[in-house]
Full PDB file with SEQRES, HELIX, SHEET, SSBOND, CRYST1, ORIGX, SCALE, CONECT and MASTER records, all heavy atoms in Angstrom:
SEQRES   1 A   42  ALA ASP VAL HIS ARG ARG LEU GLY ASP ALA GLY ARG ALA          
SEQRES   2 A   42  ARG ASP HIS LEU ALA ARG ALA GLU ARG ALA VAL ASP VAL          
SEQRES   3 A   42  LEU GLY ASP ASP GLY TYR GLY ARG MET ILE ARG GLN GLY          
SEQRES   4 A   42  ILE ALA ARG                                                  
HELIX    1 AA1 ASP A    2  ARG A    6  1                                   5    
HELIX    2 AA2 ALA A   10  ALA A   23  1                                  14    
HELIX    3 AA3 VAL A   24  VAL A   26  5                                   3    
HELIX    4 AA4 GLY A   31  ALA A   41  1                                  11    
CRYST1    1.000    1.000    1.000  90.00  90.00  90.00 P 1           1          
ORIGX1      1.000000  0.000000  0.000000        0.00000                         
ORIGX2      0.000000  1.000000  0.000000        0.00000                         
ORIGX3      0.000000  0.000000  1.000000        0.00000                         
SCALE1      1.000000  0.000000  0.000000        0.00000                         
SCALE2      0.000000  1.000000  0.000000        0.00000                         
SCALE3      0.000000  0.000000  1.000000        0.00000                         
ATOM      1  N   ALA A   1       0.245   6.030  -2.485  1.00  0.00           N  
ATOM      2  CA  ALA A   1       1.664   5.650  -2.547  1.00  0.00           C  
ATOM      3  C   ALA A   1       2.082   5.429  -3.993  1.00  0.00           C  
ATOM      4  O   ALA A   1       3.134   5.915  -4.427  1.00  0.00           O  
ATOM      5  CB  ALA A   1       1.910   4.383  -1.719  1.00  0.00           C  
ATOM      6  N   ASP A   2       1.257   4.712  -4.731  1.00  0.00           N  
ATOM      7  CA  ASP A   2       1.614   4.394  -6.113  1.00  0.00           C  
ATOM      8  C   ASP A   2       1.637   5.634  -7.002  1.00  0.00           C  
ATOM      9  O   ASP A   2       2.552   5.800  -7.806  1.00  0.00           O  
ATOM     10  CB  ASP A   2       0.667   3.343  -6.680  1.00  0.00           C  
ATOM     11  CG  ASP A   2       1.146   2.843  -8.016  1.00  0.00           C  
ATOM     12  OD1 ASP A   2       2.304   2.342  -8.100  1.00  0.00           O  
ATOM     13  OD2 ASP A   2       0.392   2.969  -9.012  1.00  0.00           O  
ATOM     14  N   VAL A   3       0.677   6.514  -6.869  1.00  0.00           N  
ATOM     15  CA  VAL A   3       0.680   7.699  -7.727  1.00  0.00           C  
ATOM     16  C   VAL A   3       1.837   8.624  -7.348  1.00  0.00           C  
ATOM     17  O   VAL A   3       2.487   9.199  -8.227  1.00  0.00           O  
ATOM     18  CB  VAL A   3      -0.687   8.430  -7.748  1.00  0.00           C  
ATOM     19  CG1 VAL A   3      -0.978   9.187  -6.476  1.00  0.00           C  
ATOM     20  CG2 VAL A   3      -0.775   9.358  -8.960  1.00  0.00           C  
ATOM     21  N   HIS A   4       2.147   8.765  -6.073  1.00  0.00           N  
ATOM     22  CA  HIS A   4       3.310   9.566  -5.680  1.00  0.00           C  
ATOM     23  C   HIS A   4       4.597   8.944  -6.228  1.00  0.00           C  
ATOM     24  O   HIS A   4       5.490   9.660  -6.685  1.00  0.00           O  
ATOM     25  CB  HIS A   4       3.394   9.715  -4.162  1.00  0.00           C  
ATOM     26  CG  HIS A   4       2.501  10.772  -3.607  1.00  0.00           C  
ATOM     27  ND1 HIS A   4       2.600  12.102  -3.947  1.00  0.00           N  
ATOM     28  CD2 HIS A   4       1.472  10.700  -2.720  1.00  0.00           C  
ATOM     29  CE1 HIS A   4       1.692  12.808  -3.298  1.00  0.00           C  
ATOM     30  NE2 HIS A   4       0.989  11.969  -2.552  1.00  0.00           N  
ATOM     31  N   ARG A   5       4.678   7.610  -6.203  1.00  0.00           N  
ATOM     32  CA  ARG A   5       5.849   6.928  -6.760  1.00  0.00           C  
ATOM     33  C   ARG A   5       5.991   7.250  -8.236  1.00  0.00           C  
ATOM     34  O   ARG A   5       7.062   7.618  -8.700  1.00  0.00           O  
ATOM     35  CB  ARG A   5       5.719   5.411  -6.554  1.00  0.00           C  
ATOM     36  CG  ARG A   5       6.885   4.595  -7.139  1.00  0.00           C  
ATOM     37  CD  ARG A   5       6.580   3.112  -7.200  1.00  0.00           C  
ATOM     38  NE  ARG A   5       5.467   2.769  -8.079  1.00  0.00           N  
ATOM     39  CZ  ARG A   5       5.564   2.684  -9.413  1.00  0.00           C  
ATOM     40  NH1 ARG A   5       6.696   2.925 -10.025  1.00  0.00           N  
ATOM     41  NH2 ARG A   5       4.499   2.352 -10.133  1.00  0.00           N  
ATOM     42  N   ARG A   6       4.895   7.152  -8.973  1.00  0.00           N  
ATOM     43  CA  ARG A   6       4.946   7.421 -10.410  1.00  0.00           C  
ATOM     44  C   ARG A   6       5.217   8.878 -10.718  1.00  0.00           C  
ATOM     45  O   ARG A   6       5.752   9.206 -11.778  1.00  0.00           O  
ATOM     46  CB  ARG A   6       3.655   6.943 -11.082  1.00  0.00           C  
ATOM     47  CG  ARG A   6       3.602   5.405 -11.115  1.00  0.00           C  
ATOM     48  CD  ARG A   6       2.351   4.863 -11.778  1.00  0.00           C  
ATOM     49  NE  ARG A   6       1.216   5.043 -10.897  1.00  0.00           N  
ATOM     50  CZ  ARG A   6       0.046   5.559 -11.254  1.00  0.00           C  
ATOM     51  NH1 ARG A   6      -0.173   5.922 -12.491  1.00  0.00           N  
ATOM     52  NH2 ARG A   6      -0.930   5.682 -10.377  1.00  0.00           N  
ATOM     53  N   LEU A   7       4.881   9.771  -9.775  1.00  0.00           N  
ATOM     54  CA  LEU A   7       5.192  11.193  -9.937  1.00  0.00           C  
ATOM     55  C   LEU A   7       6.626  11.516  -9.522  1.00  0.00           C  
ATOM     56  O   LEU A   7       7.076  12.644  -9.694  1.00  0.00           O  
ATOM     57  CB  LEU A   7       4.208  12.041  -9.117  1.00  0.00           C  
ATOM     58  CG  LEU A   7       2.818  12.205  -9.714  1.00  0.00           C  
ATOM     59  CD1 LEU A   7       1.845  12.743  -8.666  1.00  0.00           C  
ATOM     60  CD2 LEU A   7       2.872  13.133 -10.933  1.00  0.00           C  
ATOM     61  N   GLY A   8       7.333  10.532  -8.967  1.00  0.00           N  
ATOM     62  CA  GLY A   8       8.721  10.739  -8.566  1.00  0.00           C  
ATOM     63  C   GLY A   8       8.895  11.275  -7.158  1.00  0.00           C  
ATOM     64  O   GLY A   8       9.989  11.704  -6.788  1.00  0.00           O  
ATOM     65  N   ASP A   9       7.851  11.255  -6.352  1.00  0.00           N  
ATOM     66  CA  ASP A   9       7.916  11.749  -4.978  1.00  0.00           C  
ATOM     67  C   ASP A   9       8.019  10.550  -4.030  1.00  0.00           C  
ATOM     68  O   ASP A   9       7.032  10.107  -3.432  1.00  0.00           O  
ATOM     69  CB  ASP A   9       6.679  12.598  -4.659  1.00  0.00           C  
ATOM     70  CG  ASP A   9       6.800  13.335  -3.340  1.00  0.00           C  
ATOM     71  OD1 ASP A   9       7.623  12.932  -2.481  1.00  0.00           O  
ATOM     72  OD2 ASP A   9       6.049  14.314  -3.151  1.00  0.00           O  
ATOM     73  N   ALA A  10       9.241  10.033  -3.906  1.00  0.00           N  
ATOM     74  CA  ALA A  10       9.463   8.822  -3.112  1.00  0.00           C  
ATOM     75  C   ALA A  10       9.130   9.025  -1.634  1.00  0.00           C  
ATOM     76  O   ALA A  10       8.637   8.105  -0.977  1.00  0.00           O  
ATOM     77  CB  ALA A  10      10.906   8.357  -3.262  1.00  0.00           C  
ATOM     78  N   GLY A  11       9.378  10.204  -1.108  1.00  0.00           N  
ATOM     79  CA  GLY A  11       9.089  10.460   0.302  1.00  0.00           C  
ATOM     80  C   GLY A  11       7.604  10.315   0.614  1.00  0.00           C  
ATOM     81  O   GLY A  11       7.222   9.610   1.555  1.00  0.00           O  
ATOM     82  N   ARG A  12       6.781  10.959  -0.181  1.00  0.00           N  
ATOM     83  CA  ARG A  12       5.337  10.838   0.033  1.00  0.00           C  
ATOM     84  C   ARG A  12       4.863   9.416  -0.278  1.00  0.00           C  
ATOM     85  O   ARG A  12       3.966   8.895   0.378  1.00  0.00           O  
ATOM     86  CB  ARG A  12       4.580  11.854  -0.809  1.00  0.00           C  
ATOM     87  CG  ARG A  12       4.641  13.246  -0.229  1.00  0.00           C  
ATOM     88  CD  ARG A  12       3.583  14.153  -0.843  1.00  0.00           C  
ATOM     89  NE  ARG A  12       3.583  15.418  -0.156  1.00  0.00           N  
ATOM     90  CZ  ARG A  12       3.970  16.565  -0.698  1.00  0.00           C  
ATOM     91  NH1 ARG A  12       4.384  16.597  -1.948  1.00  0.00           N  
ATOM     92  NH2 ARG A  12       3.929  17.679  -0.005  1.00  0.00           N  
ATOM     93  N   ALA A  13       5.466   8.800  -1.283  1.00  0.00           N  
ATOM     94  CA  ALA A  13       5.097   7.420  -1.618  1.00  0.00           C  
ATOM     95  C   ALA A  13       5.373   6.512  -0.424  1.00  0.00           C  
ATOM     96  O   ALA A  13       4.517   5.711  -0.040  1.00  0.00           O  
ATOM     97  CB  ALA A  13       5.874   6.938  -2.846  1.00  0.00           C  
ATOM     98  N   ARG A  14       6.546   6.631   0.183  1.00  0.00           N  
ATOM     99  CA  ARG A  14       6.887   5.797   1.337  1.00  0.00           C  
ATOM    100  C   ARG A  14       5.960   6.076   2.526  1.00  0.00           C  
ATOM    101  O   ARG A  14       5.581   5.164   3.243  1.00  0.00           O  
ATOM    102  CB  ARG A  14       8.342   6.012   1.751  1.00  0.00           C  
ATOM    103  CG  ARG A  14       9.308   5.221   0.924  1.00  0.00           C  
ATOM    104  CD  ARG A  14      10.715   5.230   1.541  1.00  0.00           C  
ATOM    105  NE  ARG A  14      11.679   5.299   0.465  1.00  0.00           N  
ATOM    106  CZ  ARG A  14      12.209   6.415  -0.037  1.00  0.00           C  
ATOM    107  NH1 ARG A  14      11.907   7.586   0.481  1.00  0.00           N  
ATOM    108  NH2 ARG A  14      13.061   6.367  -1.036  1.00  0.00           N  
ATOM    109  N   ASP A  15       5.607   7.346   2.719  1.00  0.00           N  
ATOM    110  CA  ASP A  15       4.706   7.707   3.817  1.00  0.00           C  
ATOM    111  C   ASP A  15       3.353   7.015   3.646  1.00  0.00           C  
ATOM    112  O   ASP A  15       2.849   6.392   4.588  1.00  0.00           O  
ATOM    113  CB  ASP A  15       4.529   9.225   3.879  1.00  0.00           C  
ATOM    114  CG  ASP A  15       3.543   9.643   4.960  1.00  0.00           C  
ATOM    115  OD1 ASP A  15       3.756   9.265   6.142  1.00  0.00           O  
ATOM    116  OD2 ASP A  15       2.559  10.330   4.636  1.00  0.00           O  
ATOM    117  N   HIS A  16       2.770   7.100   2.465  1.00  0.00           N  
ATOM    118  CA  HIS A  16       1.462   6.468   2.247  1.00  0.00           C  
ATOM    119  C   HIS A  16       1.575   4.950   2.237  1.00  0.00           C  
ATOM    120  O   HIS A  16       0.649   4.259   2.686  1.00  0.00           O  
ATOM    121  CB  HIS A  16       0.812   6.989   0.965  1.00  0.00           C  
ATOM    122  CG  HIS A  16       0.213   8.349   1.145  1.00  0.00           C  
ATOM    123  ND1 HIS A  16      -0.949   8.564   1.845  1.00  0.00           N  
ATOM    124  CD2 HIS A  16       0.645   9.568   0.746  1.00  0.00           C  
ATOM    125  CE1 HIS A  16      -1.221   9.856   1.848  1.00  0.00           C  
ATOM    126  NE2 HIS A  16      -0.270  10.487   1.192  1.00  0.00           N  
ATOM    127  N   LEU A  17       2.689   4.431   1.769  1.00  0.00           N  
ATOM    128  CA  LEU A  17       2.889   2.982   1.801  1.00  0.00           C  
ATOM    129  C   LEU A  17       2.930   2.492   3.249  1.00  0.00           C  
ATOM    130  O   LEU A  17       2.307   1.480   3.587  1.00  0.00           O  
ATOM    131  CB  LEU A  17       4.176   2.613   1.058  1.00  0.00           C  
ATOM    132  CG  LEU A  17       4.391   1.141   0.789  1.00  0.00           C  
ATOM    133  CD1 LEU A  17       3.260   0.573  -0.078  1.00  0.00           C  
ATOM    134  CD2 LEU A  17       5.728   0.931   0.086  1.00  0.00           C  
ATOM    135  N   ALA A  18       3.615   3.231   4.105  1.00  0.00           N  
ATOM    136  CA  ALA A  18       3.669   2.863   5.531  1.00  0.00           C  
ATOM    137  C   ALA A  18       2.277   2.929   6.154  1.00  0.00           C  
ATOM    138  O   ALA A  18       1.899   2.067   6.964  1.00  0.00           O  
ATOM    139  CB  ALA A  18       4.635   3.781   6.280  1.00  0.00           C  
ATOM    140  N   ARG A  19       1.493   3.923   5.778  1.00  0.00           N  
ATOM    141  CA  ARG A  19       0.116   4.024   6.290  1.00  0.00           C  
ATOM    142  C   ARG A  19      -0.730   2.846   5.819  1.00  0.00           C  
ATOM    143  O   ARG A  19      -1.529   2.299   6.577  1.00  0.00           O  
ATOM    144  CB  ARG A  19      -0.526   5.340   5.850  1.00  0.00           C  
ATOM    145  CG  ARG A  19       0.091   6.549   6.515  1.00  0.00           C  
ATOM    146  CD  ARG A  19      -0.521   7.818   5.993  1.00  0.00           C  
ATOM    147  NE  ARG A  19       0.202   8.976   6.455  1.00  0.00           N  
ATOM    148  CZ  ARG A  19      -0.335  10.185   6.539  1.00  0.00           C  
ATOM    149  NH1 ARG A  19      -1.602  10.380   6.210  1.00  0.00           N  
ATOM    150  NH2 ARG A  19       0.396  11.188   6.954  1.00  0.00           N  
ATOM    151  N   ALA A  20      -0.551   2.452   4.546  1.00  0.00           N  
ATOM    152  CA  ALA A  20      -1.281   1.294   4.021  1.00  0.00           C  
ATOM    153  C   ALA A  20      -0.880   0.038   4.784  1.00  0.00           C  
ATOM    154  O   ALA A  20      -1.742  -0.772   5.157  1.00  0.00           O  
ATOM    155  CB  ALA A  20      -1.007   1.127   2.525  1.00  0.00           C  
ATOM    156  N   GLU A  21       0.411  -0.128   5.034  1.00  0.00           N  
ATOM    157  CA  GLU A  21       0.895  -1.307   5.758  1.00  0.00           C  
ATOM    158  C   GLU A  21       0.337  -1.352   7.180  1.00  0.00           C  
ATOM    159  O   GLU A  21      -0.028  -2.425   7.682  1.00  0.00           O  
ATOM    160  CB  GLU A  21       2.426  -1.325   5.784  1.00  0.00           C  
ATOM    161  CG  GLU A  21       3.033  -1.629   4.421  1.00  0.00           C  
ATOM    162  CD  GLU A  21       4.536  -1.409   4.362  1.00  0.00           C  
ATOM    163  OE1 GLU A  21       5.089  -0.635   5.193  1.00  0.00           O  
ATOM    164  OE2 GLU A  21       5.168  -1.989   3.455  1.00  0.00           O  
ATOM    165  N   ARG A  22       0.271  -0.192   7.843  1.00  0.00           N  
ATOM    166  CA  ARG A  22      -0.271  -0.155   9.214  1.00  0.00           C  
ATOM    167  C   ARG A  22      -1.769  -0.442   9.233  1.00  0.00           C  
ATOM    168  O   ARG A  22      -2.279  -0.989  10.200  1.00  0.00           O  
ATOM    169  CB  ARG A  22       0.011   1.204   9.867  1.00  0.00           C  
ATOM    170  CG  ARG A  22       1.454   1.399  10.279  1.00  0.00           C  
ATOM    171  CD  ARG A  22       1.631   2.616  11.166  1.00  0.00           C  
ATOM    172  NE  ARG A  22       1.187   3.862  10.575  1.00  0.00           N  
ATOM    173  CZ  ARG A  22       1.944   4.687   9.848  1.00  0.00           C  
ATOM    174  NH1 ARG A  22       3.210   4.384   9.616  1.00  0.00           N  
ATOM    175  NH2 ARG A  22       1.453   5.802   9.369  1.00  0.00           N  
ATOM    176  N   ALA A  23      -2.462  -0.088   8.166  1.00  0.00           N  
ATOM    177  CA  ALA A  23      -3.920  -0.229   8.131  1.00  0.00           C  
ATOM    178  C   ALA A  23      -4.388  -1.585   7.611  1.00  0.00           C  
ATOM    179  O   ALA A  23      -5.532  -1.961   7.824  1.00  0.00           O  
ATOM    180  CB  ALA A  23      -4.520   0.882   7.265  1.00  0.00           C  
ATOM    181  N   VAL A  24      -3.524  -2.340   6.948  1.00  0.00           N  
ATOM    182  CA  VAL A  24      -3.957  -3.536   6.219  1.00  0.00           C  
ATOM    183  C   VAL A  24      -4.439  -4.670   7.108  1.00  0.00           C  
ATOM    184  O   VAL A  24      -5.208  -5.524   6.654  1.00  0.00           O  
ATOM    185  CB  VAL A  24      -2.852  -4.009   5.243  1.00  0.00           C  
ATOM    186  CG1 VAL A  24      -1.759  -4.783   5.971  1.00  0.00           C  
ATOM    187  CG2 VAL A  24      -3.433  -4.810   4.095  1.00  0.00           C  
ATOM    188  N   ASP A  25      -4.063  -4.685   8.364  1.00  0.00           N  
ATOM    189  CA  ASP A  25      -4.479  -5.782   9.250  1.00  0.00           C  
ATOM    190  C   ASP A  25      -5.985  -5.856   9.463  1.00  0.00           C  
ATOM    191  O   ASP A  25      -6.489  -6.895   9.891  1.00  0.00           O  
ATOM    192  CB  ASP A  25      -3.768  -5.684  10.602  1.00  0.00           C  
ATOM    193  CG  ASP A  25      -2.300  -6.071  10.503  1.00  0.00           C  
ATOM    194  OD1 ASP A  25      -1.917  -6.715   9.506  1.00  0.00           O  
ATOM    195  OD2 ASP A  25      -1.534  -5.706  11.411  1.00  0.00           O  
ATOM    196  N   VAL A  26      -6.709  -4.782   9.156  1.00  0.00           N  
ATOM    197  CA  VAL A  26      -8.175  -4.826   9.305  1.00  0.00           C  
ATOM    198  C   VAL A  26      -8.827  -5.649   8.201  1.00  0.00           C  
ATOM    199  O   VAL A  26      -9.990  -6.035   8.325  1.00  0.00           O  
ATOM    200  CB  VAL A  26      -8.804  -3.414   9.342  1.00  0.00           C  
ATOM    201  CG1 VAL A  26      -8.226  -2.592  10.488  1.00  0.00           C  
ATOM    202  CG2 VAL A  26      -8.679  -2.702   8.016  1.00  0.00           C  
ATOM    203  N   LEU A  27      -8.088  -5.920   7.124  1.00  0.00           N  
ATOM    204  CA  LEU A  27      -8.634  -6.686   5.999  1.00  0.00           C  
ATOM    205  C   LEU A  27      -8.521  -8.174   6.268  1.00  0.00           C  
ATOM    206  O   LEU A  27      -7.561  -8.633   6.876  1.00  0.00           O  
ATOM    207  CB  LEU A  27      -7.909  -6.336   4.701  1.00  0.00           C  
ATOM    208  CG  LEU A  27      -7.981  -4.875   4.264  1.00  0.00           C  
ATOM    209  CD1 LEU A  27      -7.226  -4.682   2.960  1.00  0.00           C  
ATOM    210  CD2 LEU A  27      -9.420  -4.400   4.141  1.00  0.00           C  
ATOM    211  N   GLY A  28      -9.485  -8.908   5.776  1.00  0.00           N  
ATOM    212  CA  GLY A  28      -9.484 -10.350   5.945  1.00  0.00           C  
ATOM    213  C   GLY A  28      -8.495 -11.040   5.019  1.00  0.00           C  
ATOM    214  O   GLY A  28      -7.861 -10.411   4.162  1.00  0.00           O  
ATOM    215  N   ASP A  29      -8.373 -12.338   5.210  1.00  0.00           N  
ATOM    216  CA  ASP A  29      -7.528 -13.150   4.333  1.00  0.00           C  
ATOM    217  C   ASP A  29      -8.416 -13.702   3.220  1.00  0.00           C  
ATOM    218  O   ASP A  29      -8.599 -14.908   3.070  1.00  0.00           O  
ATOM    219  CB  ASP A  29      -6.872 -14.284   5.132  1.00  0.00           C  
ATOM    220  CG  ASP A  29      -5.870 -15.063   4.291  1.00  0.00           C  
ATOM    221  OD1 ASP A  29      -5.382 -14.512   3.290  1.00  0.00           O  
ATOM    222  OD2 ASP A  29      -5.608 -16.232   4.621  1.00  0.00           O  
ATOM    223  N   ASP A  30      -8.961 -12.772   2.456  1.00  0.00           N  
ATOM    224  CA  ASP A  30      -9.830 -13.130   1.336  1.00  0.00           C  
ATOM    225  C   ASP A  30      -9.230 -12.534   0.066  1.00  0.00           C  
ATOM    226  O   ASP A  30      -8.127 -11.984   0.097  1.00  0.00           O  
ATOM    227  CB  ASP A  30     -11.257 -12.628   1.580  1.00  0.00           C  
ATOM    228  CG  ASP A  30     -11.319 -11.126   1.855  1.00  0.00           C  
ATOM    229  OD1 ASP A  30     -10.315 -10.411   1.654  1.00  0.00           O  
ATOM    230  OD2 ASP A  30     -12.396 -10.648   2.263  1.00  0.00           O  
ATOM    231  N   GLY A  31      -9.935 -12.640  -1.018  1.00  0.00           N  
ATOM    232  CA  GLY A  31      -9.417 -12.155  -2.292  1.00  0.00           C  
ATOM    233  C   GLY A  31      -9.069 -10.675  -2.265  1.00  0.00           C  
ATOM    234  O   GLY A  31      -8.017 -10.267  -2.750  1.00  0.00           O  
ATOM    235  N   TYR A  32      -9.940  -9.870  -1.682  1.00  0.00           N  
ATOM    236  CA  TYR A  32      -9.686  -8.434  -1.616  1.00  0.00           C  
ATOM    237  C   TYR A  32      -8.469  -8.131  -0.738  1.00  0.00           C  
ATOM    238  O   TYR A  32      -7.584  -7.367  -1.125  1.00  0.00           O  
ATOM    239  CB  TYR A  32     -10.921  -7.688  -1.093  1.00  0.00           C  
ATOM    240  CG  TYR A  32     -10.696  -6.209  -0.981  1.00  0.00           C  
ATOM    241  CD1 TYR A  32     -10.673  -5.405  -2.119  1.00  0.00           C  
ATOM    242  CD2 TYR A  32     -10.478  -5.615   0.260  1.00  0.00           C  
ATOM    243  CE1 TYR A  32     -10.441  -4.036  -2.015  1.00  0.00           C  
ATOM    244  CE2 TYR A  32     -10.255  -4.246   0.373  1.00  0.00           C  
ATOM    245  CZ  TYR A  32     -10.238  -3.465  -0.773  1.00  0.00           C  
ATOM    246  OH  TYR A  32     -10.000  -2.119  -0.674  1.00  0.00           O  
ATOM    247  N   GLY A  33      -8.429  -8.733   0.440  1.00  0.00           N  
ATOM    248  CA  GLY A  33      -7.301  -8.508   1.345  1.00  0.00           C  
ATOM    249  C   GLY A  33      -5.979  -8.922   0.718  1.00  0.00           C  
ATOM    250  O   GLY A  33      -4.977  -8.212   0.827  1.00  0.00           O  
ATOM    251  N   ARG A  34      -5.978 -10.064   0.042  1.00  0.00           N  
ATOM    252  CA  ARG A  34      -4.748 -10.520  -0.633  1.00  0.00           C  
ATOM    253  C   ARG A  34      -4.358  -9.571  -1.760  1.00  0.00           C  
ATOM    254  O   ARG A  34      -3.177  -9.266  -1.945  1.00  0.00           O  
ATOM    255  CB  ARG A  34      -4.919 -11.944  -1.151  1.00  0.00           C  
ATOM    256  CG  ARG A  34      -4.882 -12.999  -0.040  1.00  0.00           C  
ATOM    257  CD  ARG A  34      -4.867 -14.425  -0.572  1.00  0.00           C  
ATOM    258  NE  ARG A  34      -6.095 -14.802  -1.262  1.00  0.00           N  
ATOM    259  CZ  ARG A  34      -7.186 -15.269  -0.657  1.00  0.00           C  
ATOM    260  NH1 ARG A  34      -7.200 -15.419   0.665  1.00  0.00           N  
ATOM    261  NH2 ARG A  34      -8.251 -15.592  -1.353  1.00  0.00           N  
ATOM    262  N   MET A  35      -5.342  -9.084  -2.514  1.00  0.00           N  
ATOM    263  CA  MET A  35      -5.052  -8.150  -3.607  1.00  0.00           C  
ATOM    264  C   MET A  35      -4.377  -6.886  -3.072  1.00  0.00           C  
ATOM    265  O   MET A  35      -3.383  -6.416  -3.631  1.00  0.00           O  
ATOM    266  CB  MET A  35      -6.334  -7.787  -4.349  1.00  0.00           C  
ATOM    267  CG  MET A  35      -6.124  -6.780  -5.466  1.00  0.00           C  
ATOM    268  SD  MET A  35      -7.661  -6.247  -6.248  1.00  0.00           S  
ATOM    269  CE  MET A  35      -8.383  -5.227  -4.949  1.00  0.00           C  
ATOM    270  N   ILE A  36      -4.909  -6.340  -1.979  1.00  0.00           N  
ATOM    271  CA  ILE A  36      -4.327  -5.115  -1.410  1.00  0.00           C  
ATOM    272  C   ILE A  36      -2.934  -5.402  -0.854  1.00  0.00           C  
ATOM    273  O   ILE A  36      -1.993  -4.620  -1.071  1.00  0.00           O  
ATOM    274  CB  ILE A  36      -5.261  -4.512  -0.338  1.00  0.00           C  
ATOM    275  CG1 ILE A  36      -6.600  -4.105  -0.963  1.00  0.00           C  
ATOM    276  CG2 ILE A  36      -4.588  -3.325   0.363  1.00  0.00           C  
ATOM    277  CD1 ILE A  36      -6.515  -3.091  -2.087  1.00  0.00           C  
ATOM    278  N   ARG A  37      -2.763  -6.526  -0.156  1.00  0.00           N  
ATOM    279  CA  ARG A  37      -1.436  -6.876   0.373  1.00  0.00           C  
ATOM    280  C   ARG A  37      -0.422  -7.050  -0.766  1.00  0.00           C  
ATOM    281  O   ARG A  37       0.728  -6.611  -0.660  1.00  0.00           O  
ATOM    282  CB  ARG A  37      -1.518  -8.134   1.225  1.00  0.00           C  
ATOM    283  CG  ARG A  37      -2.151  -7.900   2.582  1.00  0.00           C  
ATOM    284  CD  ARG A  37      -2.258  -9.192   3.410  1.00  0.00           C  
ATOM    285  NE  ARG A  37      -2.888  -8.931   4.683  1.00  0.00           N  
ATOM    286  CZ  ARG A  37      -4.211  -8.938   4.889  1.00  0.00           C  
ATOM    287  NH1 ARG A  37      -5.051  -9.226   3.902  1.00  0.00           N  
ATOM    288  NH2 ARG A  37      -4.708  -8.677   6.087  1.00  0.00           N  
ATOM    289  N   GLN A  38      -0.837  -7.688  -1.837  1.00  0.00           N  
ATOM    290  CA  GLN A  38       0.052  -7.852  -3.000  1.00  0.00           C  
ATOM    291  C   GLN A  38       0.380  -6.505  -3.627  1.00  0.00           C  
ATOM    292  O   GLN A  38       1.511  -6.269  -4.046  1.00  0.00           O  
ATOM    293  CB  GLN A  38      -0.577  -8.792  -4.028  1.00  0.00           C  
ATOM    294  CG  GLN A  38      -0.636 -10.232  -3.571  1.00  0.00           C  
ATOM    295  CD  GLN A  38      -1.535 -11.103  -4.439  1.00  0.00           C  
ATOM    296  OE1 GLN A  38      -2.164 -10.638  -5.386  1.00  0.00           O  
ATOM    297  NE2 GLN A  38      -1.615 -12.393  -4.094  1.00  0.00           N  
ATOM    298  N   GLY A  39      -0.601  -5.618  -3.676  1.00  0.00           N  
ATOM    299  CA  GLY A  39      -0.363  -4.277  -4.206  1.00  0.00           C  
ATOM    300  C   GLY A  39       0.639  -3.510  -3.360  1.00  0.00           C  
ATOM    301  O   GLY A  39       1.515  -2.815  -3.897  1.00  0.00           O  
ATOM    302  N   ILE A  40       0.537  -3.633  -2.066  1.00  0.00           N  
ATOM    303  CA  ILE A  40       1.489  -2.981  -1.162  1.00  0.00           C  
ATOM    304  C   ILE A  40       2.891  -3.532  -1.406  1.00  0.00           C  
ATOM    305  O   ILE A  40       3.860  -2.771  -1.512  1.00  0.00           O  
ATOM    306  CB  ILE A  40       1.045  -3.159   0.314  1.00  0.00           C  
ATOM    307  CG1 ILE A  40      -0.219  -2.341   0.589  1.00  0.00           C  
ATOM    308  CG2 ILE A  40       2.176  -2.784   1.279  1.00  0.00           C  
ATOM    309  CD1 ILE A  40      -0.893  -2.644   1.930  1.00  0.00           C  
ATOM    310  N   ALA A  41       3.002  -4.846  -1.509  1.00  0.00           N  
ATOM    311  CA  ALA A  41       4.312  -5.467  -1.753  1.00  0.00           C  
ATOM    312  C   ALA A  41       4.892  -5.014  -3.095  1.00  0.00           C  
ATOM    313  O   ALA A  41       6.091  -4.704  -3.180  1.00  0.00           O  
ATOM    314  CB  ALA A  41       4.194  -6.990  -1.701  1.00  0.00           C  
ATOM    315  N   ARG A  42       4.052  -4.967  -4.135  1.00  0.00           N  
ATOM    316  CA  ARG A  42       4.532  -4.526  -5.459  1.00  0.00           C  
ATOM    317  C   ARG A  42       5.002  -3.080  -5.432  1.00  0.00           C  
ATOM    318  O   ARG A  42       6.031  -2.739  -6.004  1.00  0.00           O  
ATOM    319  CB  ARG A  42       3.424  -4.673  -6.510  1.00  0.00           C  
ATOM    320  CG  ARG A  42       3.378  -6.019  -7.184  1.00  0.00           C  
ATOM    321  CD  ARG A  42       2.499  -6.013  -8.431  1.00  0.00           C  
ATOM    322  NE  ARG A  42       1.182  -5.408  -8.238  1.00  0.00           N  
ATOM    323  CZ  ARG A  42       0.129  -6.025  -7.728  1.00  0.00           C  
ATOM    324  NH1 ARG A  42       0.214  -7.283  -7.340  1.00  0.00           N  
ATOM    325  NH2 ARG A  42      -1.023  -5.394  -7.609  1.00  0.00           N  
TER     326      ARG A  42                                                      
MASTER        0    0    0    4    0    0    0    6  325    1    0    4          
END                                                                             
């Protein structure tokens, strides 16, 4: 999502961002999980 965003391809960026959001629930509420959730929000 981030690399597509930086390349100017918002459609693909949004698609991968949505996939990341759907997949993130498998991560725990630990440092890694929080880092990925914060990255998605950013």
